[in-house]
Protein backbone atom coordinates (compact mmCIF):
# COMPACT_ATOMS: atom_id res chain seq x y z
CA UNK A 1 0.31 0.07 0.08
CA UNK A 2 2.80 2.42 0.01
CA UNK A 3 2.78 3.01 -3.88
CA UNK A 4 0.14 5.99 -4.26
CA UNK A 5 0.18 8.20 -7.86
CA UNK A 6 0.57 11.88 -7.59
CA UNK A 7 -3.55 11.98 -7.72
CA UNK A 8 -4.18 9.86 -4.90
CA UNK A 9 -1.68 11.93 -2.97
CA UNK A 10 -3.60 15.40 -3.75
CA UNK A 11 -7.02 14.13 -3.22
CA UNK A 12 -4.74 13.32 0.55
CA UNK A 13 -4.23 16.61 0.77
CA UNK A 14 -7.42 18.43 0.33
CA UNK A 15 -9.44 15.92 2.97
CA UNK A 16 -6.97 17.24 5.08
CA UNK A 17 -7.76 20.24 4.40
CA UNK A 18 -11.62 19.84 5.22
CA UNK A 19 -13.07 20.78 8.83
CA UNK A 20 -15.31 18.86 10.28
CA UNK A 21 -19.66 19.90 10.35
CA UNK A 22 -18.38 22.02 6.87
CA UNK A 23 -20.53 22.52 3.27
CA UNK A 24 -18.51 21.77 0.35
CA UNK A 25 -19.32 23.01 -3.59
CA UNK A 26 -17.36 21.57 -6.37
CA UNK A 27 -17.47 22.02 -10.55
CA UNK A 28 -18.64 19.57 -13.36
CA UNK A 29 -15.34 17.45 -13.43
CA UNK A 30 -15.98 16.16 -9.54
CA UNK A 31 -13.60 13.11 -9.08
CA UNK A 32 -10.90 14.20 -7.28
CA UNK A 33 -12.84 16.72 -5.07
CA UNK A 34 -15.21 14.29 -3.98
CA UNK A 35 -13.04 11.79 -3.50
CA UNK A 36 -11.42 14.05 -1.11
CA UNK A 37 -14.73 14.61 0.69
CA UNK A 38 -15.45 11.25 0.96
CA UNK A 39 -11.69 10.31 2.38
CA UNK A 40 -12.80 13.44 5.38
CA UNK A 41 -15.72 12.12 6.12
CA UNK A 42 -14.56 8.53 6.62
CA UNK A 43 -11.73 10.08 8.63
CA UNK A 44 -11.70 13.37 10.52
CA UNK A 45 -15.16 14.81 9.34
CA UNK A 46 -18.17 12.64 9.37
CA UNK A 47 -20.47 15.92 9.63
CA UNK A 48 -18.85 17.04 6.20
CA UNK A 49 -21.27 17.61 3.46
CA UNK A 50 -21.02 18.30 -0.05
CA UNK A 51 -22.41 19.41 -3.75
CA UNK A 52 -21.56 17.56 -6.56
CA UNK A 53 -21.64 20.28 -9.23
CA UNK A 54 -24.91 21.49 -10.85
CA UNK A 55 -26.59 18.39 -10.40
CA UNK A 56 -27.21 19.27 -6.91
CA UNK A 57 -26.77 15.77 -5.83
CA UNK A 58 -25.98 16.14 -2.16
CA UNK A 59 -23.23 13.81 -0.16
CA UNK A 60 -23.43 10.91 -2.71
CA UNK A 61 -21.82 7.87 -2.08
CA UNK A 62 -21.59 6.18 -5.26
CA UNK A 63 -19.45 2.07 -5.79
CA UNK A 64 -17.00 4.15 -8.36
CA UNK A 65 -16.18 7.67 -8.31
CA UNK A 66 -17.89 9.44 -11.13
CA UNK A 67 -16.07 11.24 -14.23
CA UNK A 68 -19.05 13.87 -14.39
CA UNK A 69 -21.28 15.99 -12.07
CA UNK A 70 -24.85 15.02 -13.99
CA UNK A 71 -24.82 11.35 -14.65
CA UNK A 72 -27.06 8.71 -12.87
CA UNK A 73 -23.62 7.17 -11.43
CA UNK A 74 -23.84 10.05 -8.76
CA UNK A 75 -26.56 7.39 -6.39
CA UNK A 76 -26.92 6.69 -3.90
CA UNK A 77 -27.18 10.52 -2.34
CA UNK A 78 -29.00 11.68 0.39
CA UNK A 79 -30.59 14.23 -2.15
CA UNK A 80 -30.75 15.44 -4.98
CA UNK A 81 -31.57 20.07 -5.67
CA UNK A 82 -32.58 21.33 -8.19
CA UNK A 83 -30.34 23.55 -10.04
CA UNK A 84 -31.78 27.18 -9.57
CA UNK A 85 -31.63 26.07 -5.33
CA UNK A 86 -27.98 25.55 -5.99
CA UNK A 87 -28.00 28.78 -7.47
CA UNK A 88 -29.70 30.44 -4.77
CA UNK A 89 -27.37 28.65 -2.28
CA UNK A 90 -24.29 30.15 -4.25
CA UNK A 91 -24.98 33.74 -4.50
CA UNK A 92 -26.66 33.47 -0.38
CA UNK A 93 -23.29 34.05 1.30
CA UNK A 94 -23.89 31.38 4.24
CA UNK A 95 -24.80 28.63 2.44
CA UNK A 96 -21.33 26.87 1.56
CA UNK A 97 -17.91 27.00 3.89
CA UNK A 98 -15.29 26.20 0.84
CA UNK A 99 -15.41 25.90 -2.98
CA UNK A 100 -13.03 23.62 -4.73
CA UNK A 101 -12.70 25.08 -8.10
CA UNK A 102 -10.25 24.75 -10.65
CA UNK A 103 -9.15 26.56 -14.44
CA UNK A 104 -7.31 26.70 -17.36
CA UNK A 105 -5.44 29.53 -15.83
CA UNK A 106 -4.94 29.98 -11.85
CA UNK A 107 -2.68 33.21 -10.95
CA UNK A 108 -0.62 34.54 -8.30
CA UNK A 109 -3.64 36.06 -5.97
CA UNK A 110 -5.72 33.11 -6.80
CA UNK A 111 -7.72 33.95 -9.81
CA UNK A 112 -8.86 31.18 -11.87
CA UNK A 113 -10.19 31.65 -15.64
CA UNK A 114 -12.07 29.29 -17.09
CA UNK A 115 -13.24 31.49 -20.13
CA UNK A 116 -10.17 31.29 -22.66
CA UNK A 117 -6.40 31.81 -22.80
CA UNK A 118 -5.14 34.63 -25.38
CA UNK A 119 -7.44 37.28 -26.40
CA UNK A 120 -11.05 36.76 -26.50
CA UNK A 121 -11.68 37.27 -30.80
CA UNK A 122 -8.02 34.64 -31.53
CA UNK A 123 -7.99 32.52 -28.36
CA UNK A 124 -5.54 29.76 -27.91
CA UNK A 125 -7.53 27.72 -25.70
CA UNK A 126 -11.42 28.20 -25.11
CA UNK A 127 -13.23 26.92 -21.54
CA UNK A 128 -16.64 26.26 -20.74
CA UNK A 129 -17.32 29.94 -19.32
CA UNK A 130 -17.09 30.89 -15.97
CA UNK A 131 -19.80 28.27 -15.16
CA UNK A 132 -20.36 28.77 -10.81
CA UNK A 133 -17.00 30.06 -10.28
CA UNK A 134 -18.17 33.74 -10.36
CA UNK A 135 -19.17 32.86 -7.05
CA UNK A 136 -16.00 31.73 -4.97
CA UNK A 137 -16.39 35.53 -3.00
CA UNK A 138 -19.77 34.08 -1.78
CA UNK A 139 -17.64 30.92 0.15
CA UNK A 140 -16.23 31.35 3.41
CA UNK A 141 -13.03 29.42 1.74
CA UNK A 142 -11.89 28.12 -1.26
CA UNK A 143 -9.67 25.16 -2.77
CA UNK A 144 -7.94 25.17 -5.90
CA UNK A 145 -6.71 22.67 -7.37
CA UNK A 146 -5.24 21.78 -10.82
CA UNK A 147 -3.77 18.72 -12.32
CA UNK A 148 -1.50 20.63 -15.02
CA UNK A 149 1.52 21.98 -12.66
CA UNK A 150 3.43 24.43 -16.09
CA UNK A 151 4.05 28.37 -16.65
CA UNK A 152 1.17 28.08 -18.97
CA UNK A 153 -1.58 27.28 -16.22
CA UNK A 154 0.07 28.99 -12.98
CA UNK A 155 0.37 32.18 -14.43
CA UNK A 156 1.57 36.04 -12.98
CA UNK A 157 -2.28 37.00 -14.05
CA UNK A 158 -5.34 35.21 -15.58
CA UNK A 159 -6.21 36.53 -18.95
CA UNK A 160 -9.76 36.59 -18.03
CA UNK A 161 -11.04 36.50 -14.23
CA UNK A 162 -14.08 33.83 -13.50
CA UNK A 163 -13.60 33.21 -10.12
CA UNK A 164 -12.06 36.22 -8.34
CA UNK A 165 -9.22 35.13 -6.07
CA UNK A 166 -7.16 37.48 -3.57
CA UNK A 167 -7.14 41.40 -4.77
CA UNK A 168 -3.07 42.15 -4.95
CA UNK A 169 -3.67 44.30 -1.65
CA UNK A 170 -3.45 43.77 1.75
CA UNK A 171 -6.51 42.47 4.05
CA UNK A 172 -7.63 46.04 4.66
CA UNK A 173 -8.02 46.41 0.78
CA UNK A 174 -10.51 43.59 0.16
CA UNK A 175 -13.20 43.93 2.93
CA UNK A 176 -15.84 41.83 0.36
CA UNK A 177 -14.04 38.89 0.93
CA UNK A 178 -14.07 36.16 3.72
CA UNK A 179 -11.42 34.16 3.90
CA UNK A 180 -10.61 33.47 0.20
CA UNK A 181 -8.59 31.11 -1.45
CA UNK A 182 -6.85 29.30 1.01
CA UNK A 183 -4.70 26.34 -0.44
CA UNK A 184 -3.71 25.47 -4.04
CA UNK A 185 -3.01 21.74 -4.53
CA UNK A 186 -0.77 20.33 -7.86
CA UNK A 187 1.10 17.82 -8.85
CA UNK A 188 4.52 19.09 -7.53
CA UNK A 189 3.59 20.84 -4.39
CA UNK A 190 0.86 22.67 -2.27
CA UNK A 191 0.63 26.45 -2.20
CA UNK A 192 -0.80 28.85 0.05
CA UNK A 193 -1.34 32.96 0.08
CA UNK A 194 0.43 35.52 2.38
CA UNK A 195 -1.53 38.04 4.39
CA UNK A 196 -0.79 40.00 0.75
CA UNK A 197 -2.50 37.53 -0.86
CA UNK A 198 0.30 35.97 -3.11
CA UNK A 199 0.69 32.26 -3.46
CA UNK A 200 3.38 31.04 -1.67
CA UNK A 201 5.08 27.61 -1.77
CA UNK A 202 3.78 25.83 1.45
CA UNK A 203 5.07 21.81 0.56
CA UNK A 204 6.88 20.33 -2.15
CA UNK A 205 5.11 16.32 -3.04
CA UNK A 206 7.85 14.05 -2.22
CA UNK A 207 10.41 12.97 -4.64
CA UNK A 208 10.10 16.65 -6.20
CA UNK A 209 13.28 19.33 -5.58
CA UNK A 210 12.31 22.96 -4.98
CA UNK A 211 13.67 24.39 -8.07
CA UNK A 212 11.73 22.39 -10.19
CA UNK A 213 8.87 23.76 -8.77
CA UNK A 214 9.62 27.41 -9.22
CA UNK A 215 11.04 26.49 -12.89
CA UNK A 216 7.19 25.07 -13.35
CA UNK A 217 5.93 28.22 -11.70
CA UNK A 218 5.10 31.24 -14.58
CA UNK A 219 5.74 33.64 -11.51
CA UNK A 220 7.69 34.15 -8.36
CA UNK A 221 6.33 33.24 -5.47
CA UNK A 222 5.94 35.38 -2.25
CA UNK A 223 8.61 34.07 0.02
CA UNK A 224 7.33 32.26 3.22
CA UNK A 225 8.88 29.46 5.55
CA UNK A 226 11.39 27.05 4.06
CA UNK A 227 8.78 24.39 2.32
CA UNK A 228 8.34 21.48 3.82
CA UNK A 229 7.97 17.82 2.08
CA UNK A 230 4.29 17.14 1.54
CA UNK A 231 3.27 14.26 3.87
CA UNK A 232 2.42 11.08 1.84
CA UNK A 233 -0.73 9.13 1.95
CA UNK A 234 -1.07 6.92 4.81
CA UNK A 235 -2.02 3.26 4.16
CA UNK A 236 -5.12 3.70 6.05
CA UNK A 237 -6.11 6.64 3.97
CA UNK A 238 -5.18 5.04 0.78
CA UNK A 239 -7.64 1.90 1.89
CA UNK A 240 -9.95 4.46 2.31
CA UNK A 241 -9.19 5.88 -0.74
CA UNK A 242 -9.41 3.45 -2.90
CA UNK A 243 -12.25 1.24 -1.41
CA UNK A 244 -14.46 4.06 -3.43
CA UNK A 245 -12.38 4.22 -6.55
CA UNK A 246 -12.22 0.45 -7.72
CA UNK A 247 -11.83 1.79 -11.12
CA UNK A 248 -8.97 3.32 -10.16
CA UNK A 249 -9.44 6.53 -11.72
CA UNK A 250 -7.22 8.64 -9.55
CA UNK A 251 -4.46 6.46 -10.61
CA UNK A 252 -4.95 7.05 -14.02
């Protein structure tokens, strides 16, 4: 059980960040954040609840991890909310504690871009649009993740802001935000944020060097404490994680 995939490590890192009693909402590609939520519920956060994407499905426990958020393979679940109700809850500002989000680009201040890379008229890459990311400021905090750590993904400034991160200024300059983005998880490292709202390296994954992380990051991270090594999954965490991932989605 000592061998694990990078995606399994990312799921474990995210699971450890969730707190008991929180309500988590996630996007349309739910396998990774859903695995993290289920692992947290099975270990230290039994009262955690989560809503899967636009489906409105609440805390599903299917026999295997789904690749999408709107299929029939999410059953069984506690209940399913109509999409208008999910949107209303996202807009209220007091319903969700954590938003798990990603994007085509994530910048140094935790802004996410799901619209397009490059100019609007001639984009190099086009995404699905803003989707639910404009609601990021309405959750208490957000956990960002990407499975592509490169200078094209982690950039100084996103081309379009789909999901707002930390403004480029001190805390008193952003009174409308709650905690904002608190963690970014990638295949190479984890990042948190300085008091000025800029990403800084928190840990480097086992087998990865600090200079490799810097070379793959398209901006200079904020200075901070000396990064440690990301604690690898325990045998117990892996066993639990794989019990609801028999198809090995996280190991592909």
